Amino acid sequence: MGENTTGAGGPVALPYAGPPREIYRKIGHAFAVGKAKWMGAVIASPEAIYLLKETRFNAGAAAGMHGGLIGALVVGAIAKALEKPDETKSCKYFQLPPEVRGHPDWPAKKQKLDVDVIVLPKPFVQNMRHPRFSNELKLSAAGIDYKIEYTLFRGKKVKAFLADAGWAMEW
């Protein structure tokens, strides 16, 4: 009648219980901070969004597709000379707490370079919105505008993760 089938006296595992909720997820591959564009992982969690500044977008590389190697070199040199430094950062990658970088869900485990990281804590993020017919999220934090790009056709998964993590957004 009141017999426990676990044999250990502990709680019975429910067969319909789903897997534990994911804590960290890579939601993007590129982002802009104001007018500076970066390639790098964008990782979201219930507490913050992490932007890894791996490579700055180079206007010369884009010009190379249209103007050949010489055009790319010239435009790249001019763009680099006129480029304003982007000092927006929270810390270096290896300064992130070990419990963040070492978490089983952390998607950037093979990070070799100690790149700059922008950490956007949830309380400081305002106006997160998803423009129609796009693959980007726009938000602002501490008076700075950010634009996060994600892979095409991944919007449903990005939206589901952010909603499950408690992020307020207009989609």
C-alpha atoms as a PDB file:
ATOM      1  CA  MET A   1       0.000   0.000   0.000  1.00  0.00           C
ATOM      2  CA  GLY A   2       2.367   2.786   1.029  1.00  0.00           C
ATOM      3  CA  GLU A   3       5.310   0.874  -0.400  1.00  0.00           C
ATOM      4  CA  ASN A   4       8.277   2.860  -1.832  1.00  0.00           C
ATOM      5  CA  THR A   5       9.500   1.331  -5.097  1.00  0.00           C
ATOM      6  CA  THR A   6      12.877   3.116  -5.142  1.00  0.00           C
ATOM      7  CA  GLY A   7      14.350   0.799  -2.527  1.00  0.00           C
ATOM      8  CA  ALA A   8      16.459   3.688  -1.150  1.00  0.00           C
ATOM      9  CA  GLY A   9      13.751   5.538   0.716  1.00  0.00           C
ATOM     10  CA  GLY A  10      14.243   8.604  -1.514  1.00  0.00           C
ATOM     11  CA  PRO A  11      11.861  10.398  -3.831  1.00  0.00           C
ATOM     12  CA  VAL A  12      10.585   8.664  -6.916  1.00  0.00           C
ATOM     13  CA  ALA A  13      11.858  10.099 -10.204  1.00  0.00           C
ATOM     14  CA  LEU A  14       9.023  11.249 -12.414  1.00  0.00           C
ATOM     15  CA  PRO A  15       9.234   9.727 -15.900  1.00  0.00           C
ATOM     16  CA  TYR A  16       7.841  12.862 -17.571  1.00  0.00           C
ATOM     17  CA  ALA A  17      10.300  15.313 -16.009  1.00  0.00           C
ATOM     18  CA  GLY A  18      12.308  17.022 -18.745  1.00  0.00           C
ATOM     19  CA  PRO A  19      16.023  17.652 -18.818  1.00  0.00           C
ATOM     20  CA  PRO A  20      17.387  20.392 -16.553  1.00  0.00           C
ATOM     21  CA  ARG A  21      17.067  23.925 -17.906  1.00  0.00           C
ATOM     22  CA  GLU A  22      20.048  25.155 -19.917  1.00  0.00           C
ATOM     23  CA  ILE A  23      21.891  28.005 -18.153  1.00  0.00           C
ATOM     24  CA  TYR A  24      24.118  29.358 -20.970  1.00  0.00           C
ATOM     25  CA  ARG A  25      23.480  29.383 -24.708  1.00  0.00           C
ATOM     26  CA  LYS A  26      25.266  30.926 -27.651  1.00  0.00           C
ATOM     27  CA  ILE A  27      22.618  33.109 -29.275  1.00  0.00           C
ATOM     28  CA  GLY A  28      24.716  35.057 -31.776  1.00  0.00           C
ATOM     29  CA  HIS A  29      27.913  35.239 -33.783  1.00  0.00           C
ATOM     30  CA  ALA A  30      28.370  38.979 -34.390  1.00  0.00           C
ATOM     31  CA  PHE A  31      27.390  42.237 -32.737  1.00  0.00           C
ATOM     32  CA  ALA A  32      27.754  45.999 -32.931  1.00  0.00           C
ATOM     33  CA  VAL A  33      28.576  48.344 -30.075  1.00  0.00           C
ATOM     34  CA  GLY A  34      27.464  51.748 -31.267  1.00  0.00           C
ATOM     35  CA  LYS A  35      29.062  51.877 -34.731  1.00  0.00           C
ATOM     36  CA  ALA A  36      31.894  49.395 -34.034  1.00  0.00           C
ATOM     37  CA  LYS A  37      31.145  45.923 -35.433  1.00  0.00           C
ATOM     38  CA  TRP A  38      32.589  42.723 -33.971  1.00  0.00           C
ATOM     39  CA  MET A  39      32.662  39.028 -34.786  1.00  0.00           C
ATOM     40  CA  GLY A  40      32.465  36.857 -31.686  1.00  0.00           C
ATOM     41  CA  ALA A  41      30.239  34.662 -29.610  1.00  0.00           C
ATOM     42  CA  VAL A  42      27.216  36.182 -27.937  1.00  0.00           C
ATOM     43  CA  ILE A  43      26.262  34.062 -24.934  1.00  0.00           C
ATOM     44  CA  ALA A  44      23.068  34.549 -22.933  1.00  0.00           C
ATOM     45  CA  SER A  45      22.147  33.371 -19.455  1.00  0.00           C
ATOM     46  CA  PRO A  46      19.334  34.223 -17.044  1.00  0.00           C
ATOM     47  CA  GLU A  47      21.611  36.815 -15.381  1.00  0.00           C
ATOM     48  CA  ALA A  48      23.547  38.446 -18.233  1.00  0.00           C
ATOM     49  CA  ILE A  49      24.555  38.567 -21.883  1.00  0.00           C
ATOM     50  CA  TYR A  50      28.254  38.083 -22.676  1.00  0.00           C
ATOM     51  CA  LEU A  51      29.729  39.591 -25.863  1.00  0.00           C
ATOM     52  CA  LEU A  52      33.159  38.185 -26.788  1.00  0.00           C
ATOM     53  CA  LYS A  53      35.114  40.694 -28.887  1.00  0.00           C
ATOM     54  CA  GLU A  54      37.089  38.218 -31.006  1.00  0.00           C
ATOM     55  CA  THR A  55      37.602  40.117 -34.276  1.00  0.00           C
ATOM     56  CA  ARG A  56      36.693  43.648 -35.263  1.00  0.00           C
ATOM     57  CA  PHE A  57      34.819  43.856 -38.556  1.00  0.00           C
ATOM     58  CA  ASN A  58      37.150  45.226 -41.190  1.00  0.00           C
ATOM     59  CA  ALA A  59      35.668  47.421 -43.918  1.00  0.00           C
ATOM     60  CA  GLY A  60      38.700  46.568 -46.070  1.00  0.00           C
ATOM     61  CA  ALA A  61      37.821  42.887 -46.114  1.00  0.00           C
ATOM     62  CA  ALA A  62      34.330  43.728 -47.303  1.00  0.00           C
ATOM     63  CA  ALA A  63      35.749  46.006 -50.004  1.00  0.00           C
ATOM     64  CA  GLY A  64      38.060  43.197 -51.134  1.00  0.00           C
ATOM     65  CA  MET A  65      35.064  41.254 -52.332  1.00  0.00           C
ATOM     66  CA  HIS A  66      34.306  44.046 -54.798  1.00  0.00           C
ATOM     67  CA  GLY A  67      37.655  45.716 -55.482  1.00  0.00           C
ATOM     68  CA  GLY A  68      40.135  42.847 -55.361  1.00  0.00           C
ATOM     69  CA  LEU A  69      43.183  42.498 -53.152  1.00  0.00           C
ATOM     70  CA  ILE A  70      44.641  45.955 -53.852  1.00  0.00           C
ATOM     71  CA  GLY A  71      41.281  47.628 -53.160  1.00  0.00           C
ATOM     72  CA  ALA A  72      40.955  45.687 -49.933  1.00  0.00           C
ATOM     73  CA  LEU A  73      44.430  46.717 -48.779  1.00  0.00           C
ATOM     74  CA  VAL A  74      43.885  50.387 -49.584  1.00  0.00           C
ATOM     75  CA  VAL A  75      40.409  50.599 -48.094  1.00  0.00           C
ATOM     76  CA  GLY A  76      41.485  48.508 -45.092  1.00  0.00           C
ATOM     77  CA  ALA A  77      44.452  50.798 -44.381  1.00  0.00           C
ATOM     78  CA  ILE A  78      42.298  53.918 -44.649  1.00  0.00           C
ATOM     79  CA  ALA A  79      39.568  52.396 -42.477  1.00  0.00           C
ATOM     80  CA  LYS A  80      42.103  51.322 -39.849  1.00  0.00           C
ATOM     81  CA  ALA A  81      43.643  54.803 -39.752  1.00  0.00           C
ATOM     82  CA  LEU A  82      40.245  56.454 -39.312  1.00  0.00           C
ATOM     83  CA  GLU A  83      38.888  53.821 -36.937  1.00  0.00           C
ATOM     84  CA  LYS A  84      37.980  55.073 -33.498  1.00  0.00           C
ATOM     85  CA  PRO A  85      39.143  52.774 -30.725  1.00  0.00           C
ATOM     86  CA  ASP A  86      36.358  50.810 -29.096  1.00  0.00           C
ATOM     87  CA  GLU A  87      37.222  50.622 -25.413  1.00  0.00           C
ATOM     88  CA  THR A  88      33.848  49.222 -24.366  1.00  0.00           C
ATOM     89  CA  LYS A  89      34.602  46.194 -22.211  1.00  0.00           C
ATOM     90  CA  SER A  90      33.849  44.733 -18.813  1.00  0.00           C
ATOM     91  CA  CYS A  91      36.793  42.367 -18.437  1.00  0.00           C
ATOM     92  CA  LYS A  92      39.105  39.965 -20.233  1.00  0.00           C
ATOM     93  CA  TYR A  93      37.835  36.467 -21.041  1.00  0.00           C
ATOM     94  CA  PHE A  94      40.002  34.710 -18.449  1.00  0.00           C
ATOM     95  CA  GLN A  95      38.829  37.190 -15.779  1.00  0.00           C
ATOM     96  CA  LEU A  96      35.297  35.787 -16.018  1.00  0.00           C
ATOM     97  CA  PRO A  97      34.575  33.766 -12.880  1.00  0.00           C
ATOM     98  CA  PRO A  98      35.652  30.100 -13.143  1.00  0.00           C
ATOM     99  CA  GLU A  99      32.098  29.011 -12.296  1.00  0.00           C
ATOM    100  CA  VAL A 100      30.950  30.766 -15.500  1.00  0.00           C
ATOM    101  CA  ARG A 101      33.723  29.590 -17.860  1.00  0.00           C
ATOM    102  CA  GLY A 102      33.772  26.116 -16.328  1.00  0.00           C
ATOM    103  CA  HIS A 103      30.022  25.544 -16.322  1.00  0.00           C
ATOM    104  CA  PRO A 104      28.979  22.485 -18.372  1.00  0.00           C
ATOM    105  CA  ASP A 105      26.606  24.649 -20.493  1.00  0.00           C
ATOM    106  CA  TRP A 106      29.227  27.346 -21.267  1.00  0.00           C
ATOM    107  CA  PRO A 107      29.559  27.226 -25.087  1.00  0.00           C
ATOM    108  CA  ALA A 108      33.004  28.896 -25.453  1.00  0.00           C
ATOM    109  CA  LYS A 109      35.115  26.238 -23.740  1.00  0.00           C
ATOM    110  CA  LYS A 110      37.849  26.200 -26.408  1.00  0.00           C
ATOM    111  CA  GLN A 111      38.565  29.921 -26.162  1.00  0.00           C
ATOM    112  CA  LYS A 112      42.340  30.354 -26.470  1.00  0.00           C
ATOM    113  CA  LEU A 113      42.702  34.136 -26.697  1.00  0.00           C
ATOM    114  CA  ASP A 114      42.140  36.421 -23.726  1.00  0.00           C
ATOM    115  CA  VAL A 115      39.735  38.689 -25.640  1.00  0.00           C
ATOM    116  CA  ASP A 116      37.759  41.603 -24.233  1.00  0.00           C
ATOM    117  CA  VAL A 117      34.295  40.685 -22.991  1.00  0.00           C
ATOM    118  CA  ILE A 118      31.316  42.965 -22.531  1.00  0.00           C
ATOM    119  CA  VAL A 119      29.026  41.707 -19.770  1.00  0.00           C
ATOM    120  CA  LEU A 120      25.505  43.118 -19.883  1.00  0.00           C
ATOM    121  CA  PRO A 121      23.737  42.253 -16.595  1.00  0.00           C
ATOM    122  CA  LYS A 122      19.979  41.847 -16.995  1.00  0.00           C
ATOM    123  CA  PRO A 123      19.037  44.815 -14.741  1.00  0.00           C
ATOM    124  CA  PHE A 124      20.980  47.214 -17.002  1.00  0.00           C
ATOM    125  CA  VAL A 125      19.523  46.019 -20.326  1.00  0.00           C
ATOM    126  CA  GLN A 126      16.654  48.095 -21.683  1.00  0.00           C
ATOM    127  CA  ASN A 127      14.489  47.996 -24.775  1.00  0.00           C
ATOM    128  CA  MET A 128      15.433  44.549 -26.086  1.00  0.00           C
ATOM    129  CA  ARG A 129      13.554  44.202 -29.327  1.00  0.00           C
ATOM    130  CA  HIS A 130      13.579  42.137 -32.486  1.00  0.00           C
ATOM    131  CA  PRO A 131      12.889  44.143 -35.672  1.00  0.00           C
ATOM    132  CA  ARG A 132      10.484  42.406 -38.038  1.00  0.00           C
ATOM    133  CA  PHE A 133      11.962  40.358 -40.872  1.00  0.00           C
ATOM    134  CA  SER A 134      15.500  40.433 -39.457  1.00  0.00           C
ATOM    135  CA  ASN A 135      17.978  38.156 -37.732  1.00  0.00           C
ATOM    136  CA  GLU A 136      19.059  40.613 -35.055  1.00  0.00           C
ATOM    137  CA  LEU A 137      18.230  41.862 -31.589  1.00  0.00           C
ATOM    138  CA  LYS A 138      18.581  45.509 -30.635  1.00  0.00           C
ATOM    139  CA  LEU A 139      19.026  46.666 -27.068  1.00  0.00           C
ATOM    140  CA  SER A 140      20.618  49.386 -25.008  1.00  0.00           C
ATOM    141  CA  ALA A 141      22.519  49.260 -21.733  1.00  0.00           C
ATOM    142  CA  ALA A 142      24.047  52.166 -19.806  1.00  0.00           C
ATOM    143  CA  GLY A 143      23.242  54.528 -22.686  1.00  0.00           C
ATOM    144  CA  ILE A 144      25.067  52.422 -25.317  1.00  0.00           C
ATOM    145  CA  ASP A 145      23.220  50.793 -28.224  1.00  0.00           C
ATOM    146  CA  TYR A 146      23.943  47.155 -29.107  1.00  0.00           C
ATOM    147  CA  LYS A 147      22.881  45.065 -32.057  1.00  0.00           C
ATOM    148  CA  ILE A 148      23.250  41.268 -31.874  1.00  0.00           C
ATOM    149  CA  GLU A 149      23.136  39.143 -35.033  1.00  0.00           C
ATOM    150  CA  TYR A 150      22.164  35.490 -34.945  1.00  0.00           C
ATOM    151  CA  THR A 151      22.211  32.793 -37.626  1.00  0.00           C
ATOM    152  CA  LEU A 152      19.291  32.841 -40.034  1.00  0.00           C
ATOM    153  CA  PHE A 153      16.355  30.609 -39.102  1.00  0.00           C
ATOM    154  CA  ARG A 154      17.471  30.387 -35.429  1.00  0.00           C
ATOM    155  CA  GLY A 155      15.135  33.120 -34.206  1.00  0.00           C
ATOM    156  CA  LYS A 156      12.609  30.731 -32.715  1.00  0.00           C
ATOM    157  CA  LYS A 157      15.287  29.058 -30.556  1.00  0.00           C
ATOM    158  CA  VAL A 158      16.839  32.385 -29.533  1.00  0.00           C
ATOM    159  CA  LYS A 159      13.426  33.744 -28.566  1.00  0.00           C
ATOM    160  CA  ALA A 160      12.505  30.581 -26.619  1.00  0.00           C
ATOM    161  CA  PHE A 161      15.780  30.576 -24.660  1.00  0.00           C
ATOM    162  CA  LEU A 162      15.603  34.284 -23.784  1.00  0.00           C
ATOM    163  CA  ALA A 163      11.937  34.008 -22.752  1.00  0.00           C
ATOM    164  CA  ASP A 164      12.683  30.923 -20.618  1.00  0.00           C
ATOM    165  CA  ALA A 165      15.607  32.817 -19.025  1.00  0.00           C
ATOM    166  CA  GLY A 166      13.276  35.670 -18.054  1.00  0.00           C
ATOM    167  CA  TRP A 167      14.427  38.392 -20.489  1.00  0.00           C
ATOM    168  CA  ALA A 168      11.828  41.060 -21.306  1.00  0.00           C
ATOM    169  CA  MET A 169      11.703  41.697 -25.039  1.00  0.00           C
ATOM    170  CA  GLU A 170       9.529  42.843 -27.901  1.00  0.00           C
ATOM    171  CA  TRP A 171       9.449  40.173 -30.566  1.00  0.00           C
END
